[in-house]
Amino acid sequence: MSTANTDEQMRYELLAREMFLSDLATDLDAAEKKGIEKGIEKVALKMLAKKKSFEEIAEATDLTIDQIKALASKNQLCEGAVPYKTARKRKTTT
């Protein structure tokens, strides 16, 4: 009878290990996909900063134009600030 209990315990441990490894593989796959997506977004943002067209970015990254527009609006790429110039004082002639 103790052999049957040992076999059942072993099956349980092997099943638990198999489930753990499956979960680990799923987590690693999801992390890899997320990393690739972040890399593609980074490339698209750099291309937007270099004034590339949406079509060029879509071709290079396989993103849709709508995805690129959403990414651009989300990150609000804006021009550098222009220094503030004060108005010149007029010379008064008396």
Protein backbone atom coordinates (compact mmCIF):
# COMPACT_ATOMS: atom_id res chain seq x y z
CA MET A 1 0.00 0.00 0.00
CA SER A 2 2.86 2.39 0.74
CA THR A 3 4.10 1.93 -2.84
CA ALA A 4 0.75 3.13 -4.18
CA ASN A 5 0.90 6.23 -1.98
CA THR A 6 4.46 6.92 -3.12
CA ASP A 7 3.45 6.63 -6.77
CA GLU A 8 0.49 8.95 -6.25
CA GLN A 9 2.73 11.50 -4.49
CA MET A 10 5.27 11.26 -7.31
CA ARG A 11 2.56 11.82 -9.95
CA TYR A 12 1.35 14.86 -8.01
CA GLU A 13 4.88 16.30 -7.79
CA LEU A 14 5.54 15.68 -11.49
CA LEU A 15 2.23 17.32 -12.44
CA ALA A 16 3.01 20.32 -10.22
CA ARG A 17 6.46 20.65 -11.80
CA GLU A 18 5.00 20.40 -15.30
CA MET A 19 2.45 23.12 -14.50
CA PHE A 20 5.17 25.34 -13.05
CA LEU A 21 7.35 24.97 -16.14
CA SER A 22 4.37 25.68 -18.40
CA ASP A 23 3.53 28.85 -16.43
CA LEU A 24 7.16 29.94 -16.56
CA ALA A 25 7.31 29.46 -20.33
CA THR A 26 4.09 31.48 -20.73
CA ASP A 27 5.46 34.31 -18.58
CA LEU A 28 8.74 34.37 -20.50
CA ASP A 29 6.90 34.42 -23.83
CA ALA A 30 4.72 37.33 -22.69
CA ALA A 31 7.77 39.26 -21.44
CA GLU A 32 9.58 38.70 -24.73
CA LYS A 33 6.58 39.95 -26.75
CA LYS A 34 6.26 43.03 -24.53
CA GLY A 35 9.97 43.77 -24.94
CA ILE A 36 9.71 43.51 -28.71
CA GLU A 37 6.67 45.83 -28.72
CA LYS A 38 8.54 48.40 -26.60
CA GLY A 39 11.51 48.21 -28.97
CA ILE A 40 9.31 48.77 -32.00
CA GLU A 41 7.64 51.74 -30.28
CA LYS A 42 11.06 53.20 -29.50
CA VAL A 43 12.11 52.89 -33.14
CA ALA A 44 8.84 54.48 -34.28
CA LEU A 45 9.33 57.39 -31.87
CA LYS A 46 12.86 57.97 -33.13
CA MET A 47 11.60 57.97 -36.69
CA LEU A 48 8.84 60.43 -35.77
CA ALA A 49 11.45 62.68 -34.18
CA LYS A 50 13.38 62.59 -37.46
CA LYS A 51 10.23 63.73 -39.30
CA LYS A 52 9.75 60.45 -41.20
CA SER A 53 6.32 59.96 -42.76
CA PHE A 54 3.74 57.64 -41.20
CA GLU A 55 4.01 55.43 -44.27
CA GLU A 56 7.80 55.05 -43.89
CA ILE A 57 7.41 54.23 -40.20
CA ALA A 58 4.63 51.72 -40.92
CA GLU A 59 6.81 50.01 -43.53
CA ALA A 60 9.82 49.81 -41.18
CA THR A 61 7.98 48.73 -38.03
CA ASP A 62 4.89 46.85 -39.31
CA LEU A 63 2.73 49.14 -37.17
CA THR A 64 -0.49 50.48 -38.65
CA ILE A 65 -0.75 54.18 -39.41
CA ASP A 66 -3.43 54.46 -36.71
CA GLN A 67 -1.06 52.89 -34.17
CA ILE A 68 1.66 55.34 -35.17
CA LYS A 69 -0.70 58.31 -34.87
CA ALA A 70 -1.80 57.11 -31.43
CA LEU A 71 1.83 56.70 -30.38
CA ALA A 72 2.68 60.18 -31.65
CA SER A 73 -0.25 61.81 -29.86
CA LYS A 74 0.46 59.85 -26.67
CA ASN A 75 4.05 61.05 -26.57
CA GLN A 76 3.38 64.54 -27.94
CA LEU A 77 6.60 65.04 -29.80
CA CYS A 78 7.03 68.77 -29.86
CA GLU A 79 9.54 71.20 -31.21
CA GLY A 80 12.19 72.70 -28.99
CA ALA A 81 11.14 75.79 -27.11
CA VAL A 82 11.89 79.15 -28.65
CA PRO A 83 13.62 81.52 -26.26
CA TYR A 84 11.37 84.29 -25.01
CA LYS A 85 12.28 87.71 -26.32
CA THR A 86 11.19 90.77 -24.47
CA ALA A 87 9.85 93.71 -26.40
CA ARG A 88 12.38 96.43 -27.02
CA LYS A 89 11.90 99.63 -25.15
CA ARG A 90 11.34 102.59 -27.36
CA LYS A 91 13.67 105.42 -27.00
CA THR A 92 11.83 108.55 -26.13
CA THR A 93 12.97 111.65 -27.86
CA THR A 94 12.32 114.91 -26.20
